[in-house]
């Protein structure tokens, strides 16, 4: 049985929602929903280009994870 007090949420840098499932790419937390959207986009899509801009900026500033405990 898991202790919910140890679970951590991270804020997705794309959709700005707090999620428990996802991962970091170049210090940018990406939730699974945004990851699925990203891989479905064509490189010519303007939204794809926005994701690339976000990842490039995150890589440059080398940000720390934004975490909060889940109650």
PDB file of N, CA and C in Angstrom:
ATOM      1  N   UNK A   1       0.836  -1.183   0.000  1.00  0.00           N
ATOM      2  CA  UNK A   1       0.000   0.000   0.000  1.00  0.00           C
ATOM      3  C   UNK A   1       0.881   1.246   0.000  1.00  0.00           C
ATOM      4  N   UNK A   2       0.571   2.199  -0.879  1.00  0.00           N
ATOM      5  CA  UNK A   2       1.345   3.427  -0.994  1.00  0.00           C
ATOM      6  C   UNK A   2       0.883   4.469   0.015  1.00  0.00           C
ATOM      7  N   UNK A   3       1.831   5.217   0.518  1.00  0.00           N
ATOM      8  CA  UNK A   3       1.531   6.318   1.417  1.00  0.00           C
ATOM      9  C   UNK A   3       1.375   7.580   0.576  1.00  0.00           C
ATOM     10  N   UNK A   4       0.160   8.123   0.472  1.00  0.00           N
ATOM     11  CA  UNK A   4      -0.112   9.289  -0.364  1.00  0.00           C
ATOM     12  C   UNK A   4       0.652  10.529   0.062  1.00  0.00           C
ATOM     13  N   UNK A   5       1.117  10.606   1.298  1.00  0.00           N
ATOM     14  CA  UNK A   5       1.840  11.789   1.740  1.00  0.00           C
ATOM     15  C   UNK A   5       3.214  11.892   1.084  1.00  0.00           C
ATOM     16  N   UNK A   6       3.712  10.799   0.492  1.00  0.00           N
ATOM     17  CA  UNK A   6       5.012  10.814  -0.164  1.00  0.00           C
ATOM     18  C   UNK A   6       4.915  11.092  -1.658  1.00  0.00           C
ATOM     19  N   UNK A   7       3.705  11.180  -2.208  1.00  0.00           N
ATOM     20  CA  UNK A   7       3.556  11.439  -3.633  1.00  0.00           C
ATOM     21  C   UNK A   7       3.793  12.911  -3.920  1.00  0.00           C
ATOM     22  N   UNK A   8       4.397  13.182  -5.060  1.00  0.00           N
ATOM     23  CA  UNK A   8       4.735  14.554  -5.430  1.00  0.00           C
ATOM     24  C   UNK A   8       4.132  14.846  -6.790  1.00  0.00           C
ATOM     25  N   UNK A   9       3.618  16.049  -6.924  1.00  0.00           N
ATOM     26  CA  UNK A   9       3.127  16.511  -8.217  1.00  0.00           C
ATOM     27  C   UNK A   9       4.134  17.490  -8.795  1.00  0.00           C
ATOM     28  N   UNK A  10       4.223  17.487 -10.100  1.00  0.00           N
ATOM     29  CA  UNK A  10       5.088  18.418 -10.817  1.00  0.00           C
ATOM     30  C   UNK A  10       4.223  19.244 -11.743  1.00  0.00           C
ATOM     31  N   UNK A  11       4.597  20.484 -11.945  1.00  0.00           N
ATOM     32  CA  UNK A  11       3.833  21.341 -12.857  1.00  0.00           C
ATOM     33  C   UNK A  11       4.378  21.168 -14.260  1.00  0.00           C
ATOM     34  N   UNK A  12       3.511  20.726 -15.172  1.00  0.00           N
ATOM     35  CA  UNK A  12       3.878  20.583 -16.575  1.00  0.00           C
ATOM     36  C   UNK A  12       4.153  21.976 -17.136  1.00  0.00           C
ATOM     37  N   UNK A  13       5.276  22.131 -17.789  1.00  0.00           N
ATOM     38  CA  UNK A  13       5.657  23.430 -18.325  1.00  0.00           C
ATOM     39  C   UNK A  13       4.920  23.762 -19.612  1.00  0.00           C
ATOM     40  N   UNK A  14       4.192  22.813 -20.152  1.00  0.00           N
ATOM     41  CA  UNK A  14       3.423  23.061 -21.378  1.00  0.00           C
ATOM     42  C   UNK A  14       1.979  23.427 -21.058  1.00  0.00           C
ATOM     43  N   UNK A  15       1.275  22.573 -20.328  1.00  0.00           N
ATOM     44  CA  UNK A  15      -0.142  22.822 -20.035  1.00  0.00           C
ATOM     45  C   UNK A  15      -0.352  23.530 -18.693  1.00  0.00           C
ATOM     46  N   UNK A  16       0.718  23.629 -17.885  1.00  0.00           N
ATOM     47  CA  UNK A  16       0.703  24.313 -16.581  1.00  0.00           C
ATOM     48  C   UNK A  16      -0.136  23.599 -15.518  1.00  0.00           C
ATOM     49  N   UNK A  17      -0.549  22.370 -15.794  1.00  0.00           N
ATOM     50  CA  UNK A  17      -1.300  21.596 -14.801  1.00  0.00           C
ATOM     51  C   UNK A  17      -0.327  20.789 -13.952  1.00  0.00           C
ATOM     52  N   UNK A  18      -0.721  20.513 -12.709  1.00  0.00           N
ATOM     53  CA  UNK A  18       0.095  19.689 -11.820  1.00  0.00           C
ATOM     54  C   UNK A  18      -0.269  18.233 -12.048  1.00  0.00           C
ATOM     55  N   UNK A  19       0.760  17.420 -12.291  1.00  0.00           N
ATOM     56  CA  UNK A  19       0.554  15.999 -12.604  1.00  0.00           C
ATOM     57  C   UNK A  19       1.560  15.154 -11.831  1.00  0.00           C
ATOM     58  N   UNK A  20       1.196  13.914 -11.593  1.00  0.00           N
ATOM     59  CA  UNK A  20       2.096  12.962 -10.950  1.00  0.00           C
ATOM     60  C   UNK A  20       2.867  12.138 -11.966  1.00  0.00           C
ATOM     61  N   UNK A  21       2.369  12.068 -13.192  1.00  0.00           N
ATOM     62  CA  UNK A  21       3.004  11.221 -14.201  1.00  0.00           C
ATOM     63  C   UNK A  21       3.573  12.063 -15.322  1.00  0.00           C
ATOM     64  N   UNK A  22       4.842  11.856 -15.588  1.00  0.00           N
ATOM     65  CA  UNK A  22       5.525  12.563 -16.653  1.00  0.00           C
ATOM     66  C   UNK A  22       7.014  12.411 -16.460  1.00  0.00           C
ATOM     67  N   UNK A  23       7.781  13.246 -17.141  1.00  0.00           N
ATOM     68  CA  UNK A  23       9.231  13.166 -17.026  1.00  0.00           C
ATOM     69  C   UNK A  23       9.870  14.475 -17.465  1.00  0.00           C
ATOM     70  N   UNK A  24      11.180  14.565 -17.239  1.00  0.00           N
ATOM     71  CA  UNK A  24      11.920  15.761 -17.596  1.00  0.00           C
ATOM     72  C   UNK A  24      12.680  15.558 -18.896  1.00  0.00           C
ATOM     73  N   UNK A  25      12.628  16.577 -19.735  1.00  0.00           N
ATOM     74  CA  UNK A  25      13.430  16.643 -20.946  1.00  0.00           C
ATOM     75  C   UNK A  25      14.147  17.988 -20.870  1.00  0.00           C
ATOM     76  N   UNK A  26      15.465  17.968 -20.794  1.00  0.00           N
ATOM     77  CA  UNK A  26      16.243  19.205 -20.680  1.00  0.00           C
ATOM     78  C   UNK A  26      15.723  20.093 -19.543  1.00  0.00           C
ATOM     79  N   UNK A  27      15.463  19.491 -18.394  1.00  0.00           N
ATOM     80  CA  UNK A  27      14.990  20.204 -17.196  1.00  0.00           C
ATOM     81  C   UNK A  27      13.589  20.791 -17.369  1.00  0.00           C
ATOM     82  N   UNK A  28      12.845  20.326 -18.327  1.00  0.00           N
ATOM     83  CA  UNK A  28      11.468  20.781 -18.540  1.00  0.00           C
ATOM     84  C   UNK A  28      10.556  19.596 -18.246  1.00  0.00           C
ATOM     85  N   UNK A  29       9.686  19.741 -17.235  1.00  0.00           N
ATOM     86  CA  UNK A  29       8.767  18.669 -16.907  1.00  0.00           C
ATOM     87  C   UNK A  29       7.635  18.644 -17.928  1.00  0.00           C
ATOM     88  N   UNK A  30       7.387  17.472 -18.475  1.00  0.00           N
ATOM     89  CA  UNK A  30       6.368  17.267 -19.494  1.00  0.00           C
ATOM     90  C   UNK A  30       5.436  16.158 -19.017  1.00  0.00           C
ATOM     91  N   UNK A  31       4.140  16.476 -18.874  1.00  0.00           N
ATOM     92  CA  UNK A  31       3.191  15.456 -18.439  1.00  0.00           C
ATOM     93  C   UNK A  31       2.944  14.475 -19.595  1.00  0.00           C
ATOM     94  N   UNK A  32       2.375  13.339 -19.282  1.00  0.00           N
ATOM     95  CA  UNK A  32       2.152  12.321 -20.301  1.00  0.00           C
ATOM     96  C   UNK A  32       1.164  12.767 -21.373  1.00  0.00           C
ATOM     97  N   UNK A  33       0.181  13.582 -20.994  1.00  0.00           N
ATOM     98  CA  UNK A  33      -0.786  14.080 -21.984  1.00  0.00           C
ATOM     99  C   UNK A  33      -0.104  14.978 -23.015  1.00  0.00           C
ATOM    100  N   UNK A  34       0.751  15.867 -22.545  1.00  0.00           N
ATOM    101  CA  UNK A  34       1.461  16.765 -23.465  1.00  0.00           C
ATOM    102  C   UNK A  34       2.471  15.987 -24.296  1.00  0.00           C
ATOM    103  N   UNK A  35       3.081  14.977 -23.711  1.00  0.00           N
ATOM    104  CA  UNK A  35       4.022  14.145 -24.462  1.00  0.00           C
ATOM    105  C   UNK A  35       3.308  13.460 -25.621  1.00  0.00           C
ATOM    106  N   UNK A  36       2.114  12.920 -25.361  1.00  0.00           N
ATOM    107  CA  UNK A  36       1.345  12.262 -26.419  1.00  0.00           C
ATOM    108  C   UNK A  36       0.959  13.249 -27.515  1.00  0.00           C
ATOM    109  N   UNK A  37       0.577  14.451 -27.111  1.00  0.00           N
ATOM    110  CA  UNK A  37       0.249  15.481 -28.092  1.00  0.00           C
ATOM    111  C   UNK A  37       1.474  15.832 -28.922  1.00  0.00           C
ATOM    112  N   UNK A  38       2.598  16.021 -28.268  1.00  0.00           N
ATOM    113  CA  UNK A  38       3.828  16.397 -28.952  1.00  0.00           C
ATOM    114  C   UNK A  38       4.235  15.359 -30.001  1.00  0.00           C
ATOM    115  N   UNK A  39       4.179  14.099 -29.652  1.00  0.00           N
ATOM    116  CA  UNK A  39       4.615  13.081 -30.616  1.00  0.00           C
ATOM    117  C   UNK A  39       3.624  12.903 -31.759  1.00  0.00           C
ATOM    118  N   UNK A  40       2.407  13.404 -31.590  1.00  0.00           N
ATOM    119  CA  UNK A  40       1.425  13.300 -32.676  1.00  0.00           C
ATOM    120  C   UNK A  40       1.508  14.468 -33.652  1.00  0.00           C
ATOM    121  N   UNK A  41       2.230  15.526 -33.287  1.00  0.00           N
ATOM    122  CA  UNK A  41       2.325  16.714 -34.133  1.00  0.00           C
ATOM    123  C   UNK A  41       3.374  16.546 -35.232  1.00  0.00           C
ATOM    124  N   UNK A  42       3.130  17.193 -36.332  1.00  0.00           N
ATOM    125  CA  UNK A  42       4.111  17.254 -37.416  1.00  0.00           C
ATOM    126  C   UNK A  42       5.061  18.423 -37.135  1.00  0.00           C
ATOM    127  N   UNK A  43       6.318  18.318 -37.537  1.00  0.00           N
ATOM    128  CA  UNK A  43       7.268  19.412 -37.296  1.00  0.00           C
ATOM    129  C   UNK A  43       6.849  20.757 -37.890  1.00  0.00           C
ATOM    130  N   UNK A  44       6.005  20.741 -38.892  1.00  0.00           N
ATOM    131  CA  UNK A  44       5.544  21.990 -39.508  1.00  0.00           C
ATOM    132  C   UNK A  44       4.449  22.679 -38.683  1.00  0.00           C
ATOM    133  N   UNK A  45       3.859  21.964 -37.750  1.00  0.00           N
ATOM    134  CA  UNK A  45       2.757  22.488 -36.936  1.00  0.00           C
ATOM    135  C   UNK A  45       3.262  23.606 -36.020  1.00  0.00           C
ATOM    136  N   UNK A  46       2.574  24.747 -35.960  1.00  0.00           N
ATOM    137  CA  UNK A  46       2.990  25.850 -35.074  1.00  0.00           C
ATOM    138  C   UNK A  46       3.075  25.435 -33.603  1.00  0.00           C
ATOM    139  N   UNK A  47       2.189  24.544 -33.163  1.00  0.00           N
ATOM    140  CA  UNK A  47       2.228  24.092 -31.775  1.00  0.00           C
ATOM    141  C   UNK A  47       3.505  23.287 -31.500  1.00  0.00           C
ATOM    142  N   UNK A  48       3.940  22.492 -32.455  1.00  0.00           N
ATOM    143  CA  UNK A  48       5.197  21.743 -32.326  1.00  0.00           C
ATOM    144  C   UNK A  48       6.351  22.721 -32.132  1.00  0.00           C
ATOM    145  N   UNK A  49       6.347  23.788 -32.907  1.00  0.00           N
ATOM    146  CA  UNK A  49       7.410  24.790 -32.815  1.00  0.00           C
ATOM    147  C   UNK A  49       7.408  25.468 -31.448  1.00  0.00           C
ATOM    148  N   UNK A  50       6.229  25.647 -30.848  1.00  0.00           N
ATOM    149  CA  UNK A  50       6.142  26.225 -29.503  1.00  0.00           C
ATOM    150  C   UNK A  50       6.754  25.281 -28.466  1.00  0.00           C
ATOM    151  N   UNK A  51       6.499  23.980 -28.609  1.00  0.00           N
ATOM    152  CA  UNK A  51       7.108  22.997 -27.709  1.00  0.00           C
ATOM    153  C   UNK A  51       8.630  23.057 -27.817  1.00  0.00           C
ATOM    154  N   UNK A  52       9.135  23.151 -29.017  1.00  0.00           N
ATOM    155  CA  UNK A  52      10.585  23.229 -29.216  1.00  0.00           C
ATOM    156  C   UNK A  52      11.142  24.480 -28.542  1.00  0.00           C
ATOM    157  N   UNK A  53      10.453  25.605 -28.661  1.00  0.00           N
ATOM    158  CA  UNK A  53      10.891  26.841 -28.002  1.00  0.00           C
ATOM    159  C   UNK A  53      10.939  26.664 -26.482  1.00  0.00           C
ATOM    160  N   UNK A  54       9.893  26.030 -25.923  1.00  0.00           N
ATOM    161  CA  UNK A  54       9.855  25.795 -24.477  1.00  0.00           C
ATOM    162  C   UNK A  54      11.033  24.938 -24.024  1.00  0.00           C
ATOM    163  N   UNK A  55      11.302  23.867 -24.757  1.00  0.00           N
ATOM    164  CA  UNK A  55      12.396  22.970 -24.388  1.00  0.00           C
ATOM    165  C   UNK A  55      13.753  23.653 -24.524  1.00  0.00           C
ATOM    166  N   UNK A  56      13.907  24.450 -25.542  1.00  0.00           N
ATOM    167  CA  UNK A  56      15.163  25.167 -25.738  1.00  0.00           C
ATOM    168  C   UNK A  56      15.399  26.166 -24.608  1.00  0.00           C
ATOM    169  N   UNK A  57      14.363  26.902 -24.240  1.00  0.00           N
ATOM    170  CA  UNK A  57      14.486  27.874 -23.150  1.00  0.00           C
ATOM    171  C   UNK A  57      14.774  27.177 -21.823  1.00  0.00           C
ATOM    172  N   UNK A  58      14.103  26.057 -21.568  1.00  0.00           N
ATOM    173  CA  UNK A  58      14.309  25.322 -20.318  1.00  0.00           C
ATOM    174  C   UNK A  58      15.730  24.777 -20.239  1.00  0.00           C
ATOM    175  N   UNK A  59      16.221  24.311 -21.339  1.00  0.00           N
ATOM    176  CA  UNK A  59      17.581  23.778 -21.375  1.00  0.00           C
ATOM    177  C   UNK A  59      18.587  24.876 -21.048  1.00  0.00           C
ATOM    178  N   UNK A  60      18.341  26.068 -21.555  1.00  0.00           N
ATOM    179  CA  UNK A  60      19.257  27.191 -21.331  1.00  0.00           C
ATOM    180  C   UNK A  60      19.280  27.643 -19.882  1.00  0.00           C
ATOM    181  N   UNK A  61      18.126  27.678 -19.247  1.00  0.00           N
ATOM    182  CA  UNK A  61      18.104  28.213 -17.876  1.00  0.00           C
ATOM    183  C   UNK A  61      18.356  27.146 -16.815  1.00  0.00           C
ATOM    184  N   UNK A  62      18.347  25.870 -17.228  1.00  0.00           N
ATOM    185  CA  UNK A  62      18.690  24.775 -16.317  1.00  0.00           C
ATOM    186  C   UNK A  62      17.886  24.875 -15.021  1.00  0.00           C
ATOM    187  N   UNK A  63      16.557  24.982 -15.151  1.00  0.00           N
ATOM    188  CA  UNK A  63      15.677  25.194 -14.003  1.00  0.00           C
ATOM    189  C   UNK A  63      15.577  23.965 -13.104  1.00  0.00           C
ATOM    190  N   UNK A  64      15.201  24.217 -11.866  1.00  0.00           N
ATOM    191  CA  UNK A  64      14.990  23.166 -10.886  1.00  0.00           C
ATOM    192  C   UNK A  64      13.531  22.708 -10.947  1.00  0.00           C
ATOM    193  N   UNK A  65      13.261  21.438 -10.589  1.00  0.00           N
ATOM    194  CA  UNK A  65      11.871  20.961 -10.574  1.00  0.00           C
ATOM    195  C   UNK A  65      11.008  21.754  -9.615  1.00  0.00           C
ATOM    196  N   UNK A  66       9.760  21.994 -10.008  1.00  0.00           N
ATOM    197  CA  UNK A  66       8.782  22.692  -9.186  1.00  0.00           C
ATOM    198  C   UNK A  66       7.882  21.621  -8.572  1.00  0.00           C
ATOM    199  N   UNK A  67       8.090  21.297  -7.286  1.00  0.00           N
ATOM    200  CA  UNK A  67       7.352  20.218  -6.656  1.00  0.00           C
ATOM    201  C   UNK A  67       6.527  20.721  -5.490  1.00  0.00           C
ATOM    202  N   UNK A  68       5.410  20.053  -5.243  1.00  0.00           N
ATOM    203  CA  UNK A  68       4.593  20.318  -4.074  1.00  0.00           C
ATOM    204  C   UNK A  68       4.110  18.971  -3.541  1.00  0.00           C
ATOM    205  N   UNK A  69       3.974  18.822  -2.229  1.00  0.00           N
ATOM    206  CA  UNK A  69       3.431  17.572  -1.693  1.00  0.00           C
ATOM    207  C   UNK A  69       1.942  17.471  -2.005  1.00  0.00           C
ATOM    208  N   UNK A  70       1.466  16.252  -2.182  1.00  0.00           N
ATOM    209  CA  UNK A  70       0.050  15.995  -2.432  1.00  0.00           C
ATOM    210  C   UNK A  70      -0.599  15.631  -1.109  1.00  0.00           C
ATOM    211  N   UNK A  71      -1.673  16.306  -0.766  1.00  0.00           N
ATOM    212  CA  UNK A  71      -2.379  16.024   0.492  1.00  0.00           C
ATOM    213  C   UNK A  71      -3.480  15.030   0.278  1.00  0.00           C
TER     214      UNK A  71
END
